[in-house]
Amino acid sequence: MSCLLFAVAVAAGGIIISESIRHATTDGQGPRLPPFSTDTGGQPADPGGLEPQDSHQPPEPAGREARAIYETARRVNYRGTYFAHHPRLRPFSEHIVVHHRIPLDVLLRRPGLFTAEELNAATKLRGIPVREHSHLHLSVIHRNLWDKFWTNNPHATREHIIAFARSIDEQYDLQNLAYKAFLQP
């Protein structure tokens, strides 16, 4: 088995940010890519070419390094990651919008607190039914809750951000929302 590891380290405000992206592994059965892969060419992370949807514009003031990390994070096939982790929801993929538990713009707002890899991990993604996306996710969660959070906590710690994301998950049962919408009678 071989593994190619690409690491980028940048200094942002005296903090070293390290991001690893695994490109491919082989074990004699041909190439395999992990679910967080950026490959959308039919590998396990790609259930039918499902691409991320751009629904939220990031804040502008950010260093060049933070912006590069943010742009790399956005290019990851996180829809593929989500549906690889939740295969029972795959038949409903056209009716589910996948979002991050902690918005990717945290990479710009608070560089160094999170890595792109951890924000794009399957356990950090949430499926929102399309019929609830505009109101629940865009209006309530992003434009109301997260925008107010950042206004009131511009220097939030990692722990504070995680606790806030957890409270949103619990309040709206985001981990189970897609399952309840499509798989419960």
C-alpha atoms as a PDB file:
ATOM      1  CA  MET A   1       0.000   0.000   0.000  1.00  0.00           C
ATOM      2  CA  SER A   2       1.352   3.422  -0.839  1.00  0.00           C
ATOM      3  CA  CYS A   3       0.116   6.823   0.194  1.00  0.00           C
ATOM      4  CA  LEU A   4       1.050  10.140  -1.301  1.00  0.00           C
ATOM      5  CA  LEU A   5       0.780  12.936   1.237  1.00  0.00           C
ATOM      6  CA  PHE A   6       0.796  16.588   0.284  1.00  0.00           C
ATOM      7  CA  ALA A   7       1.243  19.074   3.102  1.00  0.00           C
ATOM      8  CA  VAL A   8       0.952  22.818   3.035  1.00  0.00           C
ATOM      9  CA  ALA A   9       2.112  24.850   5.987  1.00  0.00           C
ATOM     10  CA  VAL A  10       1.517  28.572   6.167  1.00  0.00           C
ATOM     11  CA  ALA A  11       2.045  31.167   8.819  1.00  0.00           C
ATOM     12  CA  ALA A  12      -1.057  33.195   9.698  1.00  0.00           C
ATOM     13  CA  GLY A  13      -0.668  35.598  12.550  1.00  0.00           C
ATOM     14  CA  GLY A  14       2.135  33.529  14.039  1.00  0.00           C
ATOM     15  CA  ILE A  15       0.067  30.334  13.921  1.00  0.00           C
ATOM     16  CA  ILE A  16       1.162  27.474  11.708  1.00  0.00           C
ATOM     17  CA  ILE A  17      -1.703  25.904   9.798  1.00  0.00           C
ATOM     18  CA  SER A  18      -1.080  22.478   8.371  1.00  0.00           C
ATOM     19  CA  GLU A  19      -3.401  20.810   5.922  1.00  0.00           C
ATOM     20  CA  SER A  20      -2.955  17.307   4.564  1.00  0.00           C
ATOM     21  CA  ILE A  21      -4.670  15.932   1.516  1.00  0.00           C
ATOM     22  CA  ARG A  22      -4.369  12.219   0.800  1.00  0.00           C
ATOM     23  CA  HIS A  23      -4.344  11.709  -2.951  1.00  0.00           C
ATOM     24  CA  ALA A  24      -4.478   7.977  -3.507  1.00  0.00           C
ATOM     25  CA  THR A  25      -3.743   4.613  -1.993  1.00  0.00           C
ATOM     26  CA  THR A  26      -3.400   1.280  -3.660  1.00  0.00           C
ATOM     27  CA  ASP A  27      -3.440  -2.237  -2.259  1.00  0.00           C
ATOM     28  CA  GLY A  28      -3.187  -4.288  -5.420  1.00  0.00           C
ATOM     29  CA  GLN A  29      -6.855  -3.688  -6.267  1.00  0.00           C
ATOM     30  CA  GLY A  30      -6.338  -0.440  -8.127  1.00  0.00           C
ATOM     31  CA  PRO A  31      -6.520   3.150  -6.914  1.00  0.00           C
ATOM     32  CA  ARG A  32      -8.831   4.081  -4.073  1.00  0.00           C
ATOM     33  CA  LEU A  33      -9.531   7.551  -2.787  1.00  0.00           C
ATOM     34  CA  PRO A  34     -10.763   8.465   0.671  1.00  0.00           C
ATOM     35  CA  PRO A  35     -14.253  10.006   0.948  1.00  0.00           C
ATOM     36  CA  PHE A  36     -12.872  13.527   1.331  1.00  0.00           C
ATOM     37  CA  SER A  37     -11.111  13.327  -2.024  1.00  0.00           C
ATOM     38  CA  THR A  38     -11.314  16.146  -4.536  1.00  0.00           C
ATOM     39  CA  ASP A  39     -11.588  13.569  -7.340  1.00  0.00           C
ATOM     40  CA  THR A  40     -15.025  13.524  -8.899  1.00  0.00           C
ATOM     41  CA  GLY A  41     -14.252  10.884 -11.521  1.00  0.00           C
ATOM     42  CA  GLY A  42     -16.282   7.978 -10.212  1.00  0.00           C
ATOM     43  CA  GLN A  43     -14.225   7.137  -7.141  1.00  0.00           C
ATOM     44  CA  PRO A  44     -15.964   6.086  -3.872  1.00  0.00           C
ATOM     45  CA  ALA A  45     -16.444   9.682  -2.742  1.00  0.00           C
ATOM     46  CA  ASP A  46     -18.338  10.594  -5.891  1.00  0.00           C
ATOM     47  CA  PRO A  47     -21.925   9.333  -5.954  1.00  0.00           C
ATOM     48  CA  GLY A  48     -22.831  10.368  -9.466  1.00  0.00           C
ATOM     49  CA  GLY A  49     -20.944  13.662  -9.758  1.00  0.00           C
ATOM     50  CA  LEU A  50     -22.653  15.461  -6.899  1.00  0.00           C
ATOM     51  CA  GLU A  51     -20.866  18.763  -6.576  1.00  0.00           C
ATOM     52  CA  PRO A  52     -20.955  21.282  -3.720  1.00  0.00           C
ATOM     53  CA  GLN A  53     -23.326  24.173  -4.199  1.00  0.00           C
ATOM     54  CA  ASP A  54     -22.164  27.714  -3.523  1.00  0.00           C
ATOM     55  CA  SER A  55     -24.765  29.168  -1.171  1.00  0.00           C
ATOM     56  CA  HIS A  56     -22.867  31.574   1.038  1.00  0.00           C
ATOM     57  CA  GLN A  57     -20.270  34.182   0.236  1.00  0.00           C
ATOM     58  CA  PRO A  58     -17.323  34.374   2.655  1.00  0.00           C
ATOM     59  CA  PRO A  59     -16.210  37.535   4.381  1.00  0.00           C
ATOM     60  CA  GLU A  60     -13.673  39.510   2.364  1.00  0.00           C
ATOM     61  CA  PRO A  61     -10.929  40.530   4.835  1.00  0.00           C
ATOM     62  CA  ALA A  62      -8.578  37.557   5.003  1.00  0.00           C
ATOM     63  CA  GLY A  63      -4.922  36.936   4.338  1.00  0.00           C
ATOM     64  CA  ARG A  64      -3.740  35.327   1.141  1.00  0.00           C
ATOM     65  CA  GLU A  65      -2.868  32.092   2.947  1.00  0.00           C
ATOM     66  CA  ALA A  66      -6.277  31.842   4.635  1.00  0.00           C
ATOM     67  CA  ARG A  67      -8.037  32.513   1.337  1.00  0.00           C
ATOM     68  CA  ALA A  68      -6.002  29.769  -0.388  1.00  0.00           C
ATOM     69  CA  ILE A  69      -6.952  27.282   2.332  1.00  0.00           C
ATOM     70  CA  TYR A  70     -10.603  28.360   2.086  1.00  0.00           C
ATOM     71  CA  GLU A  71     -10.644  27.942  -1.709  1.00  0.00           C
ATOM     72  CA  THR A  72      -9.036  24.496  -1.400  1.00  0.00           C
ATOM     73  CA  ALA A  73     -11.699  23.497   1.155  1.00  0.00           C
ATOM     74  CA  ARG A  74     -14.501  24.636  -1.162  1.00  0.00           C
ATOM     75  CA  ARG A  75     -13.193  22.464  -4.015  1.00  0.00           C
ATOM     76  CA  VAL A  76     -13.452  19.265  -1.995  1.00  0.00           C
ATOM     77  CA  ASN A  77     -16.313  17.032  -3.098  1.00  0.00           C
ATOM     78  CA  TYR A  78     -18.025  17.215   0.280  1.00  0.00           C
ATOM     79  CA  ARG A  79     -21.366  16.126  -1.218  1.00  0.00           C
ATOM     80  CA  GLY A  80     -19.642  12.936  -2.265  1.00  0.00           C
ATOM     81  CA  THR A  81     -18.151  12.591   1.203  1.00  0.00           C
ATOM     82  CA  TYR A  82     -21.576  13.027   2.808  1.00  0.00           C
ATOM     83  CA  PHE A  83     -23.344  10.480   0.607  1.00  0.00           C
ATOM     84  CA  ALA A  84     -20.483   7.975   0.903  1.00  0.00           C
ATOM     85  CA  HIS A  85     -20.982   8.195   4.690  1.00  0.00           C
ATOM     86  CA  HIS A  86     -24.799   8.115   4.393  1.00  0.00           C
ATOM     87  CA  PRO A  87     -25.452   5.640   1.531  1.00  0.00           C
ATOM     88  CA  ARG A  88     -29.123   5.150   2.487  1.00  0.00           C
ATOM     89  CA  LEU A  89     -29.704   8.808   1.574  1.00  0.00           C
ATOM     90  CA  ARG A  90     -28.014   8.550  -1.827  1.00  0.00           C
ATOM     91  CA  PRO A  91     -31.285   7.824  -3.711  1.00  0.00           C
ATOM     92  CA  PHE A  92     -32.551  11.187  -2.435  1.00  0.00           C
ATOM     93  CA  SER A  93     -29.381  13.137  -3.265  1.00  0.00           C
ATOM     94  CA  GLU A  94     -31.170  15.413  -5.742  1.00  0.00           C
ATOM     95  CA  HIS A  95     -33.432  16.518  -2.890  1.00  0.00           C
ATOM     96  CA  ILE A  96     -30.700  17.143  -0.308  1.00  0.00           C
ATOM     97  CA  VAL A  97     -28.321  20.087  -0.021  1.00  0.00           C
ATOM     98  CA  VAL A  98     -25.150  19.302   1.928  1.00  0.00           C
ATOM     99  CA  HIS A  99     -23.716  21.932   4.254  1.00  0.00           C
ATOM    100  CA  HIS A 100     -20.959  22.185   6.797  1.00  0.00           C
ATOM    101  CA  ARG A 101     -21.743  22.003  10.503  1.00  0.00           C
ATOM    102  CA  ILE A 102     -19.257  24.834  10.966  1.00  0.00           C
ATOM    103  CA  PRO A 103     -19.315  27.110   7.913  1.00  0.00           C
ATOM    104  CA  LEU A 104     -16.137  27.102   5.835  1.00  0.00           C
ATOM    105  CA  ASP A 105     -15.817  30.850   6.236  1.00  0.00           C
ATOM    106  CA  VAL A 106     -14.394  30.128   9.708  1.00  0.00           C
ATOM    107  CA  LEU A 107     -11.171  29.482   7.778  1.00  0.00           C
ATOM    108  CA  LEU A 108     -11.220  33.174   6.812  1.00  0.00           C
ATOM    109  CA  ARG A 109     -12.700  34.640   9.995  1.00  0.00           C
ATOM    110  CA  ARG A 110     -10.499  32.715  12.445  1.00  0.00           C
ATOM    111  CA  PRO A 111      -7.515  31.333  10.487  1.00  0.00           C
ATOM    112  CA  GLY A 112      -5.698  28.514  12.221  1.00  0.00           C
ATOM    113  CA  LEU A 113      -8.509  27.314  14.484  1.00  0.00           C
ATOM    114  CA  PHE A 114      -9.714  24.591  12.090  1.00  0.00           C
ATOM    115  CA  THR A 115      -8.315  22.744   9.112  1.00  0.00           C
ATOM    116  CA  ALA A 116     -10.140  22.331   5.828  1.00  0.00           C
ATOM    117  CA  GLU A 117      -9.851  18.577   6.215  1.00  0.00           C
ATOM    118  CA  GLU A 118     -11.667  18.501   9.553  1.00  0.00           C
ATOM    119  CA  LEU A 119     -14.450  20.829   8.370  1.00  0.00           C
ATOM    120  CA  ASN A 120     -15.003  18.624   5.305  1.00  0.00           C
ATOM    121  CA  ALA A 121     -15.047  15.375   7.302  1.00  0.00           C
ATOM    122  CA  ALA A 122     -18.201  13.283   6.895  1.00  0.00           C
ATOM    123  CA  THR A 123     -19.160  13.727  10.552  1.00  0.00           C
ATOM    124  CA  LYS A 124     -19.048  17.515  10.125  1.00  0.00           C
ATOM    125  CA  LEU A 125     -21.476  17.654   7.201  1.00  0.00           C
ATOM    126  CA  ARG A 126     -25.253  18.005   7.360  1.00  0.00           C
ATOM    127  CA  GLY A 127     -27.921  17.103   4.824  1.00  0.00           C
ATOM    128  CA  ILE A 128     -30.742  19.635   4.511  1.00  0.00           C
ATOM    129  CA  PRO A 129     -33.813  18.727   2.436  1.00  0.00           C
ATOM    130  CA  VAL A 130     -34.126  21.115  -0.528  1.00  0.00           C
ATOM    131  CA  ARG A 131     -37.614  22.169   0.580  1.00  0.00           C
ATOM    132  CA  GLU A 132     -36.138  23.433   3.894  1.00  0.00           C
ATOM    133  CA  HIS A 133     -32.862  24.751   2.554  1.00  0.00           C
ATOM    134  CA  SER A 134     -33.774  28.336   1.718  1.00  0.00           C
ATOM    135  CA  HIS A 135     -35.605  29.075   4.944  1.00  0.00           C
ATOM    136  CA  LEU A 136     -33.880  26.882   7.516  1.00  0.00           C
ATOM    137  CA  HIS A 137     -30.307  26.848   6.360  1.00  0.00           C
ATOM    138  CA  LEU A 138     -29.825  30.096   4.465  1.00  0.00           C
ATOM    139  CA  SER A 139     -32.172  32.381   6.414  1.00  0.00           C
ATOM    140  CA  VAL A 140     -32.295  30.987   9.934  1.00  0.00           C
ATOM    141  CA  ILE A 141     -28.961  29.264  10.392  1.00  0.00           C
ATOM    142  CA  HIS A 142     -26.606  31.333   8.222  1.00  0.00           C
ATOM    143  CA  ARG A 143     -28.092  34.797   7.984  1.00  0.00           C
ATOM    144  CA  ASN A 144     -29.557  34.816  11.464  1.00  0.00           C
ATOM    145  CA  LEU A 145     -27.679  32.555  13.867  1.00  0.00           C
ATOM    146  CA  TRP A 146     -24.148  32.440  12.430  1.00  0.00           C
ATOM    147  CA  ASP A 147     -24.117  36.100  11.345  1.00  0.00           C
ATOM    148  CA  LYS A 148     -25.209  37.176  14.836  1.00  0.00           C
ATOM    149  CA  PHE A 149     -22.677  34.816  16.389  1.00  0.00           C
ATOM    150  CA  TRP A 150     -19.828  36.405  14.403  1.00  0.00           C
ATOM    151  CA  THR A 151     -21.068  39.931  15.147  1.00  0.00           C
ATOM    152  CA  ASN A 152     -21.145  39.184  18.877  1.00  0.00           C
ATOM    153  CA  ASN A 153     -18.032  36.963  18.928  1.00  0.00           C
ATOM    154  CA  PRO A 154     -15.510  38.211  16.349  1.00  0.00           C
ATOM    155  CA  HIS A 155     -12.657  36.592  18.308  1.00  0.00           C
ATOM    156  CA  ALA A 156     -14.440  33.352  19.219  1.00  0.00           C
ATOM    157  CA  THR A 157     -12.297  30.450  20.335  1.00  0.00           C
ATOM    158  CA  ARG A 158     -12.355  27.022  18.732  1.00  0.00           C
ATOM    159  CA  GLU A 159     -14.301  25.673  21.722  1.00  0.00           C
ATOM    160  CA  HIS A 160     -16.851  28.484  21.524  1.00  0.00           C
ATOM    161  CA  ILE A 161     -17.410  27.853  17.792  1.00  0.00           C
ATOM    162  CA  ILE A 162     -17.808  24.100  18.319  1.00  0.00           C
ATOM    163  CA  ALA A 163     -20.251  24.659  21.189  1.00  0.00           C
ATOM    164  CA  PHE A 164     -22.318  27.035  19.052  1.00  0.00           C
ATOM    165  CA  ALA A 165     -22.409  24.548  16.148  1.00  0.00           C
ATOM    166  CA  ARG A 166     -23.471  21.816  18.590  1.00  0.00           C
ATOM    167  CA  SER A 167     -26.311  23.997  19.905  1.00  0.00           C
ATOM    168  CA  ILE A 168     -27.592  24.560  16.345  1.00  0.00           C
ATOM    169  CA  ASP A 169     -27.382  20.816  15.638  1.00  0.00           C
ATOM    170  CA  GLU A 170     -29.375  20.068  18.767  1.00  0.00           C
ATOM    171  CA  GLN A 171     -31.937  22.826  18.276  1.00  0.00           C
ATOM    172  CA  TYR A 172     -32.789  21.794  14.697  1.00  0.00           C
ATOM    173  CA  ASP A 173     -31.769  18.094  14.909  1.00  0.00           C
ATOM    174  CA  LEU A 174     -29.586  18.636  11.843  1.00  0.00           C
ATOM    175  CA  GLN A 175     -27.822  15.276  12.058  1.00  0.00           C
ATOM    176  CA  ASN A 176     -31.150  13.493  11.531  1.00  0.00           C
ATOM    177  CA  LEU A 177     -33.030  15.996   9.379  1.00  0.00           C
ATOM    178  CA  ALA A 178     -32.495  14.256   6.022  1.00  0.00           C
ATOM    179  CA  TYR A 179     -33.174  10.805   7.503  1.00  0.00           C
ATOM    180  CA  LYS A 180     -36.433  12.019   9.011  1.00  0.00           C
ATOM    181  CA  ALA A 181     -37.473  13.688   5.762  1.00  0.00           C
ATOM    182  CA  PHE A 182     -36.798  10.720   3.473  1.00  0.00           C
ATOM    183  CA  LEU A 183     -36.517   7.487   5.456  1.00  0.00           C
ATOM    184  CA  GLN A 184     -39.088   7.662   8.243  1.00  0.00           C
ATOM    185  CA  PRO A 185     -42.752   6.773   7.613  1.00  0.00           C
END
